[in-house]
Amino acid sequence: MKKNDRILATLLALLTLTACGAQTPTDVPAATDLPKEETIPVTEAETEDPLDPKLSPSDAEGRTFTFLYGDNEFEPNLDVCADAENGEPLNDAIYARNRAIEEKYNVKIRWDRYSSGGALGPLGKAVKAGDAAYDVYTENGVNSFSAAMQGYTQQLNDFPFIDFEKPYWNSGMLAGSSINYKNYFAYSDMNIHALGATPCVLFNKVVAGQYDMNNLYEIVTNGEWTFDKMKECIKMVTGDLDGDGKVTEKDRLGFIGNTFVIDCFLSGTGYQTITKDADDMPVLHVQTEEYFNIVSSIIDLCSFDNGSYICDRYSGVDREYAPMEALAEDRALFWIANLKGVERMRGMESPFGILPIPKLNDEQSDYRIHYQANIGGAMSVPVTVEDRELTGAILEDMAYMSSKTVKPAYIDVLLQGKFLRDEESLVTLEIMFDSYYSDIGFMTGGSGITVLNDLRDYVANNRMDFASKIEKKIKSYEKNLTKIRDTYLQERE
């Protein structure tokens, strides 16, 4: 068995355990410890997959089964979209899975794609008209939450055939995003777009070498990758290249990014802006000394005085492409993106690696991270869907089939040199995939609790009066949180 194949097997085992809520990577053998491949006789009974839901085929008489997508061209969501085989492993795995579903249930899968956030309008229009035009709504966490709040989607916890106990459903996200033990949207192994929205720190190895930072991976594995360590590295690098007396996006930068990094730094601390009580009801958690300290630390880390360059602070700077150009041109040490950002750097000539989001400080025991709530797509079922049995069976089977072919294809593409450049980055993947948690506060921006948007504003404008600003927002936050509680307490499908 080739070394990369052994590592792939390790990561897939890790991903399965993570979905079950297991604590790894100590539970998973290192790639170098895996036994050599042996030929062992296997009986037919032993080849049966215990995770197979074993759903019976049914005949939907060739009807169309439609996914409604919220999407964007910069980071397209292709969880279902595969028109034909094209030789790309991930595309072909999605295509083959779709064909298997179509044959098993005698349906024709199709999709309607809108710009990000744009699918909520067509969903609402269809629901209000009683039109069962869409079978599945696939949008990011923010818009999925908004759809639930507006009564457009059904509760999934008791949906026919859907088994949230199976590891191909993300149990961490289910537990974190439920309210009153109800889930109106969910993530499964078919949601590759959500997996690709996992944040990480990219670093340029050429720049790191110029400043004798060749031990960054060691710092991570030793648990020493913190805000202060990152800030120390940033300050060493940032400087004026062209001698004009100021630092711009074209100069040498220790760290460049846009306001998305602020969400990442917060999630990296493991802090939850909305917690839950014993009855699984949300509780606002942004008036604590701990939160104020975290916000202050993020503002400090993102400060220009410490060498950080946040593109949104400057007019005329492309917030998406300026960081990519700086990293590719060996002018930047760090850029926070996500795994889709890693994919976009496939043409970069210089070597680069990935690190997890840093911990707040040495007292934080583990690295933490979240799915990017305003990108990664979740799945919901519109209230207009009447054939719950067919929809439930298809979603369960798609999740299961994806765990066997689609998700491995995505991980394999990352591993086989198209995107990741070194085996040390695989250790980072293990850490990241074992660090997920969910904060409802990352999903409520469309429902009046704008904690993240406000935090972005504080940091982008380097505001140190954030405590008083938060105080002024509390009544509004609480009013909207009451609406959320009341909505989830309602008995509705």
Protein backbone atom coordinates (compact mmCIF):
# COMPACT_ATOMS: atom_id res chain seq x y z
CA MET A 1 0.00 0.00 0.00
CA LYS A 2 1.45 3.39 -1.01
CA LYS A 3 2.26 5.89 1.74
CA ASN A 4 -0.34 8.42 0.61
CA ASP A 5 -2.93 5.66 0.49
CA ARG A 6 -2.12 4.73 4.10
CA ILE A 7 -2.47 8.37 5.13
CA LEU A 8 -5.77 8.60 3.25
CA ALA A 9 -7.02 5.54 5.14
CA THR A 10 -5.99 7.16 8.41
CA LEU A 11 -7.76 10.43 7.59
CA LEU A 12 -10.94 8.66 6.52
CA ALA A 13 -10.94 6.70 9.78
CA LEU A 14 -10.44 9.99 11.61
CA LEU A 15 -13.29 11.66 9.75
CA THR A 16 -15.65 8.82 10.64
CA LEU A 17 -14.70 9.01 14.30
CA THR A 18 -15.02 12.80 14.30
CA ALA A 19 -18.55 12.57 12.88
CA CYS A 20 -19.39 10.25 15.78
CA GLY A 21 -18.05 12.79 18.26
CA ALA A 22 -14.94 10.78 19.14
CA GLN A 23 -11.85 12.52 20.48
CA THR A 24 -8.89 11.99 18.19
CA PRO A 25 -6.15 11.96 16.85
CA THR A 26 -4.87 9.85 19.77
CA ASP A 27 -7.49 7.21 18.95
CA VAL A 28 -6.21 6.86 15.39
CA PRO A 29 -2.94 5.12 14.51
CA ALA A 30 -0.29 7.23 12.88
CA ALA A 31 0.21 6.57 9.17
CA THR A 32 3.64 5.08 9.85
CA ASP A 33 2.15 2.67 12.43
CA LEU A 34 -0.43 1.19 10.08
CA PRO A 35 0.10 -2.53 9.39
CA LYS A 36 1.26 -3.64 5.98
CA GLU A 37 -1.44 -4.77 3.60
CA GLU A 38 -2.18 -8.46 3.93
CA THR A 39 -4.29 -10.85 1.89
CA ILE A 40 -6.92 -12.27 4.23
CA PRO A 41 -9.82 -14.47 3.10
CA VAL A 42 -13.11 -12.59 3.51
CA THR A 43 -16.50 -14.24 3.65
CA GLU A 44 -19.52 -12.70 1.97
CA ALA A 45 -21.05 -11.86 5.35
CA GLU A 46 -17.90 -9.99 6.39
CA THR A 47 -18.05 -7.76 3.31
CA GLU A 48 -21.41 -6.30 4.33
CA ASP A 49 -21.12 -2.71 5.49
CA PRO A 50 -22.77 -2.27 8.90
CA LEU A 51 -23.39 1.41 8.08
CA ASP A 52 -25.41 0.61 4.96
CA PRO A 53 -28.98 1.79 5.65
CA LYS A 54 -30.18 -1.02 3.35
CA LEU A 55 -33.07 1.02 2.01
CA SER A 56 -35.29 -0.76 -0.48
CA PRO A 57 -35.51 0.59 -4.05
CA SER A 58 -38.72 2.38 -4.96
CA ASP A 59 -40.30 3.67 -8.14
CA ALA A 60 -41.01 7.41 -8.29
CA GLU A 61 -42.04 6.99 -11.92
CA GLY A 62 -39.25 9.13 -13.28
CA ARG A 63 -40.26 12.32 -11.52
CA THR A 64 -37.81 15.17 -11.11
CA PHE A 65 -36.05 15.55 -7.76
CA THR A 66 -34.84 19.15 -7.49
CA PHE A 67 -32.14 20.73 -5.35
CA LEU A 68 -32.38 24.50 -4.82
CA TYR A 69 -28.90 25.97 -4.45
CA GLY A 70 -27.43 29.12 -3.01
CA ASP A 71 -24.05 29.45 -4.68
CA ASN A 72 -21.30 31.71 -5.94
CA GLU A 73 -18.80 31.46 -8.76
CA PHE A 74 -15.80 32.28 -6.57
CA GLU A 75 -16.36 29.23 -4.36
CA PRO A 76 -18.95 27.12 -6.22
CA ASN A 77 -20.98 24.51 -4.37
CA LEU A 78 -20.86 21.32 -6.40
CA ASP A 79 -22.31 18.90 -3.83
CA VAL A 80 -24.77 17.61 -6.43
CA CYS A 81 -23.85 19.45 -9.64
CA ALA A 82 -22.18 17.01 -12.02
CA ASP A 83 -23.60 16.96 -15.54
CA ALA A 84 -21.30 14.26 -16.90
CA GLU A 85 -18.07 12.42 -16.21
CA ASN A 86 -15.00 14.50 -17.05
CA GLY A 87 -12.08 12.53 -15.63
CA GLU A 88 -11.89 14.55 -12.40
CA PRO A 89 -12.22 12.08 -9.50
CA LEU A 90 -14.51 14.25 -7.35
CA ASN A 91 -16.82 15.22 -10.20
CA ASP A 92 -17.02 11.62 -11.39
CA ALA A 93 -17.76 10.33 -7.88
CA ILE A 94 -20.63 12.85 -7.55
CA TYR A 95 -21.92 11.93 -11.01
CA ALA A 96 -21.82 8.19 -10.25
CA ARG A 97 -23.58 8.68 -6.90
CA ASN A 98 -26.32 10.74 -8.55
CA ARG A 99 -26.81 8.08 -11.21
CA ALA A 100 -27.04 5.37 -8.54
CA ILE A 101 -29.75 7.35 -6.72
CA GLU A 102 -31.64 7.99 -9.96
CA GLU A 103 -31.63 4.30 -10.85
CA LYS A 104 -32.55 3.08 -7.37
CA TYR A 105 -35.49 5.46 -6.93
CA ASN A 106 -36.41 6.11 -10.58
CA VAL A 107 -35.99 9.88 -10.29
CA LYS A 108 -34.23 12.51 -12.35
CA ILE A 109 -31.95 14.72 -10.26
CA ARG A 110 -31.74 18.37 -11.28
CA TRP A 111 -30.72 21.61 -9.61
CA ASP A 112 -31.49 25.32 -9.68
CA ARG A 113 -28.54 27.52 -8.76
CA TYR A 114 -28.74 31.10 -7.51
CA SER A 115 -26.12 33.50 -6.21
CA SER A 116 -25.23 33.09 -2.53
CA GLY A 117 -28.28 33.98 -0.46
CA GLY A 118 -30.36 34.32 -3.61
CA ALA A 119 -32.05 30.95 -3.21
CA LEU A 120 -33.95 32.04 -0.11
CA GLY A 121 -36.27 34.22 -2.24
CA PRO A 122 -37.35 31.44 -4.64
CA LEU A 123 -37.81 29.09 -1.68
CA GLY A 124 -40.07 31.56 0.11
CA LYS A 125 -42.04 32.27 -3.06
CA ALA A 126 -42.61 28.56 -3.67
CA VAL A 127 -43.64 27.90 -0.07
CA LYS A 128 -46.08 30.80 0.03
CA ALA A 129 -47.63 29.61 -3.21
CA GLY A 130 -47.87 26.03 -1.98
CA ASP A 131 -45.67 25.01 -4.88
CA ALA A 132 -43.65 21.80 -4.34
CA ALA A 133 -41.07 22.90 -6.90
CA TYR A 134 -38.09 22.00 -4.71
CA ASP A 135 -37.29 18.84 -2.80
CA VAL A 136 -34.12 19.98 -1.01
CA TYR A 137 -32.86 23.44 -0.10
CA THR A 138 -29.05 23.65 0.04
CA GLU A 139 -27.61 26.85 1.49
CA ASN A 140 -25.08 28.08 4.02
CA GLY A 141 -25.77 27.97 7.76
CA VAL A 142 -26.90 31.60 7.94
CA ASN A 143 -29.51 31.27 5.20
CA SER A 144 -30.55 27.78 6.33
CA PHE A 145 -31.24 29.22 9.78
CA SER A 146 -33.21 32.09 8.24
CA ALA A 147 -35.29 29.62 6.22
CA ALA A 148 -36.14 27.72 9.39
CA MET A 149 -37.07 30.91 11.20
CA GLN A 150 -39.42 31.95 8.40
CA GLY A 151 -41.18 28.59 8.46
CA TYR A 152 -39.99 27.48 5.05
CA THR A 153 -38.44 24.17 6.10
CA GLN A 154 -39.37 21.02 8.01
CA GLN A 155 -37.92 19.55 11.17
CA LEU A 156 -35.59 16.68 10.30
CA ASN A 157 -35.19 14.85 13.61
CA ASP A 158 -38.08 12.44 13.03
CA PHE A 159 -37.89 12.43 9.24
CA PRO A 160 -38.53 9.04 7.62
CA PHE A 161 -35.37 6.97 7.04
CA ILE A 162 -32.93 9.71 8.15
CA ASP A 163 -30.72 8.30 10.89
CA PHE A 164 -28.67 11.02 12.58
CA GLU A 165 -26.92 8.34 14.64
CA LYS A 166 -24.99 7.25 11.56
CA PRO A 167 -21.48 8.73 11.25
CA TYR A 168 -22.09 10.13 7.78
CA TRP A 169 -24.22 12.82 9.44
CA ASN A 170 -22.14 15.47 11.25
CA SER A 171 -23.17 14.94 14.87
CA GLY A 172 -21.16 17.93 16.13
CA MET A 173 -22.98 20.33 13.84
CA LEU A 174 -26.33 18.72 14.64
CA ALA A 175 -25.80 19.08 18.38
CA GLY A 176 -24.47 22.61 18.09
CA SER A 177 -27.14 24.00 15.75
CA SER A 178 -30.21 22.41 17.31
CA ILE A 179 -32.66 24.42 19.42
CA ASN A 180 -35.22 22.72 21.64
CA TYR A 181 -33.70 19.50 20.25
CA LYS A 182 -34.96 20.38 16.78
CA ASN A 183 -32.86 20.49 13.60
CA TYR A 184 -34.24 22.13 10.49
CA PHE A 185 -30.99 21.75 8.56
CA ALA A 186 -28.14 19.27 8.66
CA TYR A 187 -24.71 18.52 7.22
CA SER A 188 -23.77 15.09 5.88
CA ASP A 189 -20.89 13.57 3.94
CA MET A 190 -22.51 14.74 0.71
CA ASN A 191 -21.83 18.36 1.77
CA ILE A 192 -18.29 18.56 0.40
CA HIS A 193 -18.72 22.31 0.00
CA ALA A 194 -19.01 22.59 3.79
CA LEU A 195 -15.88 20.50 4.29
CA GLY A 196 -14.09 22.76 1.83
CA ALA A 197 -15.17 25.75 3.92
CA THR A 198 -12.98 24.60 6.82
CA PRO A 199 -10.70 27.54 7.71
CA CYS A 200 -6.92 27.16 7.92
CA VAL A 201 -3.74 29.22 7.85
CA LEU A 202 -1.68 29.02 4.66
CA PHE A 203 2.00 29.89 4.95
CA ASN A 204 4.62 30.53 2.27
CA LYS A 205 7.63 28.28 2.89
CA VAL A 206 10.01 30.55 0.96
CA VAL A 207 9.20 33.50 3.22
CA ALA A 208 9.25 31.30 6.32
CA GLY A 209 12.72 30.07 5.36
CA GLN A 210 13.99 33.60 4.86
CA TYR A 211 13.21 34.30 8.52
CA ASP A 212 14.32 30.92 9.90
CA MET A 213 10.75 29.84 10.63
CA ASN A 214 11.29 26.25 9.59
CA ASN A 215 9.68 24.75 12.67
CA LEU A 216 6.09 25.95 12.28
CA TYR A 217 4.72 22.41 12.10
CA GLU A 218 6.64 21.50 15.24
CA ILE A 219 5.17 24.52 17.00
CA VAL A 220 1.69 23.28 16.06
CA THR A 221 2.20 19.68 17.17
CA ASN A 222 3.71 20.89 20.44
CA GLY A 223 0.52 22.83 21.12
CA GLU A 224 2.38 26.16 21.03
CA TRP A 225 0.64 27.69 18.01
CA THR A 226 -1.12 30.66 19.70
CA PHE A 227 -2.15 34.24 18.96
CA ASP A 228 1.10 35.49 20.49
CA LYS A 229 3.27 33.10 18.47
CA MET A 230 1.53 34.11 15.23
CA LYS A 231 1.87 37.80 16.13
CA GLU A 232 5.58 37.29 16.82
CA CYS A 233 6.07 35.78 13.36
CA ILE A 234 4.02 38.51 11.67
CA LYS A 235 6.02 41.35 13.20
CA MET A 236 9.28 39.80 12.02
CA VAL A 237 8.21 39.87 8.37
CA THR A 238 6.09 42.96 7.63
CA GLY A 239 8.03 45.76 5.98
CA ASP A 240 8.14 48.40 3.22
CA LEU A 241 9.53 46.83 0.04
CA ASP A 242 9.37 49.77 -2.36
CA GLY A 243 10.69 52.41 0.05
CA ASP A 244 7.74 54.77 -0.26
CA GLY A 245 7.43 55.02 3.50
CA LYS A 246 4.21 53.05 3.86
CA VAL A 247 3.12 49.42 3.80
CA THR A 248 0.51 48.43 1.21
CA GLU A 249 -0.82 45.15 -0.15
CA LYS A 250 2.15 45.17 -2.57
CA ASP A 251 4.78 45.18 0.20
CA ARG A 252 6.19 42.40 2.39
CA LEU A 253 3.46 41.22 4.76
CA GLY A 254 3.58 38.95 7.75
CA PHE A 255 -0.16 38.40 7.47
CA ILE A 256 -2.75 39.45 4.89
CA GLY A 257 -6.44 38.63 4.80
CA ASN A 258 -9.94 40.07 4.83
CA THR A 259 -12.51 40.33 7.59
CA PHE A 260 -13.32 36.62 7.21
CA VAL A 261 -10.22 36.01 9.36
CA ILE A 262 -12.00 37.55 12.34
CA ASP A 263 -14.62 34.77 12.35
CA CYS A 264 -11.79 32.25 12.15
CA PHE A 265 -9.82 33.70 15.05
CA LEU A 266 -12.95 33.71 17.21
CA SER A 267 -13.83 30.12 16.34
CA GLY A 268 -10.21 29.12 16.95
CA THR A 269 -10.64 30.05 20.61
CA GLY A 270 -13.53 27.60 21.01
CA TYR A 271 -15.69 30.34 22.50
CA GLN A 272 -19.45 30.21 21.88
CA THR A 273 -21.26 33.52 21.50
CA ILE A 274 -24.56 31.70 22.06
CA THR A 275 -24.56 28.79 24.48
CA LYS A 276 -27.46 26.51 25.40
CA ASP A 277 -29.17 25.67 28.66
CA ALA A 278 -30.24 22.27 29.99
CA ASP A 279 -33.32 22.36 27.74
CA ASP A 280 -31.27 22.97 24.59
CA MET A 281 -32.44 26.58 24.43
CA PRO A 282 -30.07 29.37 23.30
CA VAL A 283 -28.50 31.79 25.78
CA LEU A 284 -26.64 34.94 24.74
CA HIS A 285 -23.00 34.84 25.84
CA VAL A 286 -21.31 38.06 24.71
CA GLN A 287 -21.25 40.07 27.93
CA THR A 288 -18.52 38.15 29.69
CA GLU A 289 -15.02 39.16 30.65
CA GLU A 290 -13.73 36.18 28.67
CA TYR A 291 -15.43 37.41 25.49
CA PHE A 292 -14.13 40.95 25.94
CA ASN A 293 -10.61 39.58 26.40
CA ILE A 294 -10.94 37.49 23.25
CA VAL A 295 -12.19 40.44 21.19
CA SER A 296 -9.36 42.58 22.50
CA SER A 297 -6.85 39.86 21.57
CA ILE A 298 -8.28 39.57 18.04
CA ILE A 299 -8.13 43.34 17.55
CA ASP A 300 -4.53 43.29 18.73
CA LEU A 301 -3.58 40.39 16.46
CA CYS A 302 -5.19 42.09 13.46
CA SER A 303 -3.68 45.48 14.23
CA PHE A 304 -1.60 47.15 11.55
CA ASP A 305 0.84 48.15 14.30
CA ASN A 306 1.58 44.44 14.72
CA GLY A 307 2.10 43.97 10.98
CA SER A 308 -1.28 42.56 9.97
CA TYR A 309 -2.91 43.77 6.75
CA ILE A 310 -6.73 43.50 6.60
CA CYS A 311 -7.72 44.31 3.02
CA ASP A 312 -11.19 45.66 3.86
CA ARG A 313 -9.57 48.64 5.60
CA TYR A 314 -8.28 50.02 2.32
CA SER A 315 -10.29 51.26 -0.67
CA GLY A 316 -9.38 49.77 -4.02
CA VAL A 317 -7.81 46.62 -2.54
CA ASP A 318 -9.36 43.35 -3.74
CA ARG A 319 -10.21 41.51 -0.54
CA GLU A 320 -10.24 38.11 -2.26
CA TYR A 321 -7.35 38.23 -4.72
CA ALA A 322 -4.84 40.53 -3.00
CA PRO A 323 -4.00 37.86 -0.35
CA MET A 324 -3.64 35.16 -3.01
CA GLU A 325 -1.29 37.35 -5.06
CA ALA A 326 0.84 38.27 -2.05
CA LEU A 327 1.26 34.64 -1.05
CA ALA A 328 1.98 33.46 -4.60
CA GLU A 329 4.55 36.23 -5.16
CA ASP A 330 6.50 35.34 -2.00
CA ARG A 331 5.56 38.62 -0.33
CA ALA A 332 3.34 37.25 2.43
CA LEU A 333 4.04 34.77 5.20
CA PHE A 334 0.46 34.00 6.33
CA TRP A 335 -2.99 34.07 4.75
CA ILE A 336 -6.10 32.70 6.44
CA ALA A 337 -8.41 31.04 3.95
CA ASN A 338 -10.22 27.69 3.87
CA LEU A 339 -9.62 24.41 2.07
CA LYS A 340 -11.23 25.89 -1.02
CA GLY A 341 -8.61 28.63 -0.80
CA VAL A 342 -5.98 25.90 -0.77
CA GLU A 343 -7.52 24.55 -3.97
CA ARG A 344 -7.26 27.96 -5.62
CA MET A 345 -3.51 28.02 -4.96
CA ARG A 346 -2.87 24.89 -7.02
CA GLY A 347 -0.92 26.95 -9.59
CA MET A 348 1.39 28.57 -7.01
CA GLU A 349 5.03 27.79 -7.83
CA SER A 350 6.57 28.28 -4.40
CA PRO A 351 5.91 25.64 -1.75
CA PHE A 352 3.30 26.35 0.89
CA GLY A 353 1.81 24.52 3.85
CA ILE A 354 -1.25 24.76 6.06
CA LEU A 355 -1.63 25.23 9.80
CA PRO A 356 -4.71 25.21 12.05
CA ILE A 357 -6.18 28.45 13.35
CA PRO A 358 -4.03 29.40 16.37
CA LYS A 359 -5.20 28.94 19.93
CA LEU A 360 -5.94 32.00 22.05
CA ASN A 361 -3.12 31.21 24.48
CA ASP A 362 -1.18 28.39 26.12
CA GLU A 363 -4.03 27.76 28.56
CA GLN A 364 -6.32 26.60 25.74
CA SER A 365 -5.99 22.83 25.61
CA ASP A 366 -7.00 22.06 22.01
CA TYR A 367 -7.19 23.67 18.59
CA ARG A 368 -10.79 24.45 17.57
CA ILE A 369 -12.57 25.37 14.32
CA HIS A 370 -16.01 25.62 12.70
CA TYR A 371 -17.55 25.14 9.30
CA GLN A 372 -17.70 28.56 7.68
CA ALA A 373 -21.36 29.37 8.35
CA ASN A 374 -21.72 31.82 5.46
CA ILE A 375 -20.27 29.45 2.85
CA GLY A 376 -20.59 25.72 3.58
CA GLY A 377 -23.91 24.34 2.39
CA ALA A 378 -26.33 22.48 4.68
CA MET A 379 -29.49 20.62 3.63
CA SER A 380 -33.10 21.47 4.46
CA VAL A 381 -36.43 20.09 3.26
CA PRO A 382 -39.12 22.64 2.25
CA VAL A 383 -42.49 22.39 4.03
CA THR A 384 -44.14 21.90 0.64
CA VAL A 385 -42.53 18.47 0.27
CA GLU A 386 -45.27 15.88 0.81
CA ASP A 387 -43.46 12.67 -0.13
CA ARG A 388 -41.36 12.56 3.02
CA GLU A 389 -40.55 8.88 2.59
CA LEU A 390 -38.93 9.36 -0.82
CA THR A 391 -37.08 12.51 0.25
CA GLY A 392 -35.83 10.94 3.46
CA ALA A 393 -34.67 7.80 1.70
CA ILE A 394 -32.81 9.76 -0.97
CA LEU A 395 -31.06 12.03 1.54
CA GLU A 396 -30.05 9.09 3.73
CA ASP A 397 -28.75 7.09 0.79
CA MET A 398 -26.92 10.09 -0.67
CA ALA A 399 -25.24 10.70 2.68
CA TYR A 400 -24.22 7.06 2.95
CA MET A 401 -23.04 6.72 -0.65
CA SER A 402 -21.09 9.98 -0.33
CA SER A 403 -19.25 8.61 2.70
CA LYS A 404 -18.04 5.73 0.54
CA THR A 405 -17.09 7.53 -2.66
CA VAL A 406 -17.52 11.32 -2.74
CA LYS A 407 -15.84 12.29 0.51
CA PRO A 408 -12.88 9.93 -0.05
CA ALA A 409 -12.50 11.38 -3.56
CA TYR A 410 -12.30 14.90 -2.11
CA ILE A 411 -9.75 13.93 0.53
CA ASP A 412 -7.79 11.94 -2.04
CA VAL A 413 -7.59 14.95 -4.36
CA LEU A 414 -6.18 17.01 -1.50
CA LEU A 415 -3.61 14.33 -0.71
CA GLN A 416 -2.37 13.43 -4.14
CA GLY A 417 -0.36 16.60 -4.66
CA LYS A 418 -2.88 18.68 -6.56
CA PHE A 419 -3.33 21.00 -3.61
CA LEU A 420 -1.34 20.05 -0.51
CA ARG A 421 2.42 20.14 -1.01
CA ASP A 422 3.81 18.22 1.96
CA GLU A 423 2.94 15.37 4.29
CA GLU A 424 3.20 17.62 7.35
CA SER A 425 0.05 19.36 6.12
CA LEU A 426 -1.75 16.06 6.56
CA VAL A 427 -1.13 16.31 10.29
CA THR A 428 -2.78 19.71 10.15
CA LEU A 429 -5.78 18.14 8.39
CA GLU A 430 -6.07 15.59 11.18
CA ILE A 431 -6.03 18.38 13.77
CA MET A 432 -8.59 20.43 11.83
CA PHE A 433 -10.96 17.54 11.20
CA ASP A 434 -10.87 16.70 14.88
CA SER A 435 -11.59 20.26 16.01
CA TYR A 436 -15.09 21.05 14.76
CA TYR A 437 -17.71 22.60 16.97
CA SER A 438 -20.82 24.62 16.26
CA ASP A 439 -21.91 28.03 17.54
CA ILE A 440 -25.44 29.18 16.75
CA GLY A 441 -24.11 32.72 16.98
CA PHE A 442 -22.32 32.14 13.68
CA MET A 443 -25.68 31.43 12.00
CA THR A 444 -27.99 34.15 13.32
CA GLY A 445 -26.80 37.11 11.23
CA GLY A 446 -29.93 36.94 9.09
CA SER A 447 -32.14 36.71 12.15
CA GLY A 448 -31.14 39.93 13.85
CA ILE A 449 -28.29 38.74 16.08
CA THR A 450 -25.37 40.25 14.22
CA VAL A 451 -22.59 39.28 16.61
CA LEU A 452 -20.15 38.31 13.87
CA ASN A 453 -20.87 41.27 11.62
CA ASP A 454 -20.45 43.62 14.58
CA LEU A 455 -17.20 41.91 15.57
CA ARG A 456 -15.90 42.36 12.03
CA ASP A 457 -16.74 46.06 12.29
CA TYR A 458 -14.91 46.44 15.61
CA VAL A 459 -11.78 44.76 14.31
CA ALA A 460 -11.75 46.24 10.81
CA ASN A 461 -12.01 49.74 12.30
CA ASN A 462 -9.63 48.95 15.16
CA ARG A 463 -12.29 50.08 17.65
CA MET A 464 -11.38 49.72 21.29
CA ASP A 465 -14.82 50.85 22.52
CA PHE A 466 -16.34 47.49 21.59
CA ALA A 467 -17.59 46.81 25.15
CA SER A 468 -19.86 49.86 25.06
CA LYS A 469 -20.92 49.02 21.51
CA ILE A 470 -21.89 45.50 22.59
CA GLU A 471 -23.80 46.94 25.55
CA LYS A 472 -25.90 49.05 23.17
CA LYS A 473 -26.69 45.96 21.09
CA ILE A 474 -27.73 43.65 23.92
CA LYS A 475 -31.43 44.61 24.02
CA SER A 476 -31.74 44.07 20.28
CA TYR A 477 -29.87 40.76 20.50
CA GLU A 478 -32.08 39.52 23.34
CA LYS A 479 -35.28 40.60 21.59
CA ASN A 480 -34.34 38.65 18.49
CA LEU A 481 -33.16 35.66 20.51
CA THR A 482 -36.58 35.56 22.16
CA LYS A 483 -38.13 35.35 18.69
CA ILE A 484 -35.82 32.46 17.87
CA ARG A 485 -36.73 30.61 21.08
CA ASP A 486 -40.46 31.13 20.47
CA THR A 487 -40.19 29.94 16.87
CA TYR A 488 -38.43 26.72 17.86
CA LEU A 489 -40.95 26.12 20.67
CA GLN A 490 -43.81 26.09 18.15
CA GLU A 491 -45.21 22.73 17.20
CA ARG A 492 -44.85 22.72 13.44
CA GLU A 493 -43.56 20.46 10.75
